Amino acid sequence: MQFVLKGRCIVEGKVEGRVLKTNDCISFMGTVDPKTGQIIERKHEIVGEYLKGKILVFPRSKGSTGGSYMLYEAVKNGVGPLGIINVEAEPVVTIGAIVSDLSMVDKIDISQIQNGDYVKLDSTEGTVTVIRETE
């Protein structure tokens, strides 16, 4: 099954890969280890998962402005996500995505995306093509 979701471009680019999704908000300062890309916040829905090579799908960011730099550091270290899909782009993650040149969209209904889906993110056009393997 394949379908397209339309959102708003935040940072232009085209990437594709498997989804790592959470319904929890993310603070890149305290939620993510920028050296390993692992989710380290205890009690977070995806604690223990790694961002590397994934399209990160989450509602919005939370926390301090230091999160922008932590996202940049994770990407610079080669352990960050390939792209970001949000319901609402907030300044912290937006600035991190801009300085990291990380493809990003928002205004996406993330309830239609599942962990493990394969997505083609064309943030320049504001589209997310979801390719779901069906049994």
Protein backbone atom coordinates (compact mmCIF):
# COMPACT_ATOMS: atom_id res chain seq x y z
CA MET A 1 0.00 0.00 0.00
CA GLN A 2 1.23 3.50 -0.83
CA PHE A 3 -0.18 6.95 -0.10
CA VAL A 4 0.99 10.57 0.00
CA LEU A 5 0.65 13.06 2.84
CA LYS A 6 1.00 16.77 2.16
CA GLY A 7 2.57 19.17 4.63
CA ARG A 8 4.71 22.28 4.77
CA CYS A 9 8.38 22.55 3.84
CA ILE A 10 10.61 23.59 6.73
CA VAL A 11 14.04 22.60 5.31
CA GLU A 12 14.32 21.60 1.64
CA GLY A 13 15.66 18.23 0.59
CA LYS A 14 14.86 14.70 -0.50
CA VAL A 15 15.58 11.60 1.58
CA GLU A 16 14.07 8.18 2.01
CA GLY A 17 14.25 5.45 4.60
CA ARG A 18 12.49 3.58 7.38
CA VAL A 19 10.43 5.44 9.95
CA LEU A 20 11.27 5.70 13.61
CA LYS A 21 8.08 7.12 15.12
CA THR A 22 7.05 8.26 18.54
CA ASN A 23 3.94 10.01 19.80
CA ASP A 24 6.08 11.56 22.57
CA CYS A 25 7.71 14.94 22.12
CA ILE A 26 11.50 14.96 21.79
CA SER A 27 14.12 17.15 23.40
CA PHE A 28 17.39 16.58 21.65
CA MET A 29 19.03 17.75 24.88
CA GLY A 30 18.37 14.94 27.32
CA THR A 31 16.38 12.61 25.07
CA VAL A 32 19.11 11.79 22.54
CA ASP A 33 22.78 10.92 23.05
CA PRO A 34 24.47 13.00 20.31
CA LYS A 35 27.51 10.67 20.25
CA THR A 36 25.52 7.49 19.56
CA GLY A 37 22.13 8.72 18.29
CA GLN A 38 20.40 6.55 20.88
CA ILE A 39 17.20 7.64 22.65
CA ILE A 40 18.28 7.73 26.31
CA GLU A 41 15.39 9.46 28.10
CA ARG A 42 13.96 7.00 30.59
CA LYS A 43 10.24 6.32 30.12
CA HIS A 44 10.33 7.72 26.56
CA GLU A 45 8.21 5.66 24.17
CA ILE A 46 11.23 4.75 21.99
CA VAL A 47 13.99 4.58 24.64
CA GLY A 48 16.87 2.41 23.41
CA GLU A 49 16.20 3.05 19.69
CA TYR A 50 18.77 4.67 17.39
CA LEU A 51 18.18 7.61 15.02
CA LYS A 52 20.90 6.75 12.49
CA GLY A 53 19.53 6.05 9.03
CA LYS A 54 15.91 6.69 10.04
CA ILE A 55 13.26 9.23 9.18
CA LEU A 56 12.28 10.55 12.61
CA VAL A 57 8.54 11.13 13.06
CA PHE A 58 7.29 12.88 16.20
CA PRO A 59 4.70 15.53 17.12
CA ARG A 60 6.95 18.42 18.18
CA SER A 61 10.06 19.23 20.16
CA LYS A 62 10.29 20.09 23.84
CA GLY A 63 12.93 21.52 26.09
CA SER A 64 15.73 24.02 25.89
CA THR A 65 17.43 25.75 22.99
CA GLY A 66 20.51 23.58 23.55
CA GLY A 67 18.54 20.88 21.73
CA SER A 68 19.26 22.60 18.41
CA TYR A 69 22.98 22.07 18.91
CA MET A 70 22.47 18.49 20.13
CA LEU A 71 20.59 17.66 16.92
CA TYR A 72 23.38 19.28 14.89
CA GLU A 73 26.01 17.33 16.84
CA ALA A 74 24.22 14.00 16.26
CA VAL A 75 24.02 14.71 12.51
CA LYS A 76 27.67 15.88 12.42
CA ASN A 77 28.69 12.66 14.21
CA GLY A 78 26.89 10.59 11.58
CA VAL A 79 24.33 9.20 14.02
CA GLY A 80 21.43 11.60 13.46
CA PRO A 81 18.23 11.02 11.52
CA LEU A 82 18.01 11.33 7.73
CA GLY A 83 15.01 13.64 7.97
CA ILE A 84 12.27 14.87 10.30
CA ILE A 85 8.48 14.79 10.02
CA ASN A 86 6.51 16.79 12.60
CA VAL A 87 2.96 17.80 13.35
CA GLU A 88 4.26 21.20 14.46
CA ALA A 89 7.77 22.51 13.80
CA GLU A 90 8.95 24.46 16.81
CA PRO A 91 12.02 26.75 16.91
CA VAL A 92 14.38 24.32 18.69
CA VAL A 93 14.11 21.48 16.19
CA THR A 94 13.72 23.87 13.24
CA ILE A 95 17.01 25.63 14.00
CA GLY A 96 18.73 22.27 14.51
CA ALA A 97 17.42 21.00 11.17
CA ILE A 98 18.45 24.20 9.37
CA VAL A 99 22.06 24.20 10.64
CA SER A 100 22.27 20.43 9.99
CA ASP A 101 20.76 20.76 6.48
CA LEU A 102 18.27 18.09 7.50
CA SER A 103 15.19 17.59 5.30
CA MET A 104 12.13 18.54 7.38
CA VAL A 105 8.37 19.01 7.02
CA ASP A 106 5.53 19.73 9.38
CA LYS A 107 1.72 19.94 9.28
CA ILE A 108 1.67 16.15 8.74
CA ASP A 109 -0.96 13.86 10.28
CA ILE A 110 1.53 11.46 11.86
CA SER A 111 -1.28 9.12 12.98
CA GLN A 112 -1.21 7.78 9.43
CA ILE A 113 2.48 6.80 9.67
CA GLN A 114 3.64 3.66 11.46
CA ASN A 115 6.98 2.63 12.90
CA GLY A 116 8.86 0.70 10.22
CA ASP A 117 7.01 2.23 7.25
CA TYR A 118 9.28 3.16 4.35
CA VAL A 119 8.90 6.82 3.40
CA LYS A 120 10.10 9.07 0.63
CA LEU A 121 10.36 12.54 2.12
CA ASP A 122 10.42 15.35 -0.44
CA SER A 123 10.42 18.28 1.92
CA THR A 124 10.98 20.73 -0.93
CA GLU A 125 7.49 19.81 -2.19
CA GLY A 126 6.17 19.17 1.33
CA THR A 127 5.25 15.56 0.54
CA VAL A 128 5.67 12.32 2.44
CA THR A 129 5.09 9.19 0.36
CA VAL A 130 4.37 6.31 2.73
CA ILE A 131 5.05 2.80 1.46
CA ARG A 132 3.62 0.22 3.80
CA GLU A 133 4.28 -3.46 3.39
CA THR A 134 1.04 -5.38 3.69
CA GLU A 135 0.66 -9.02 4.56
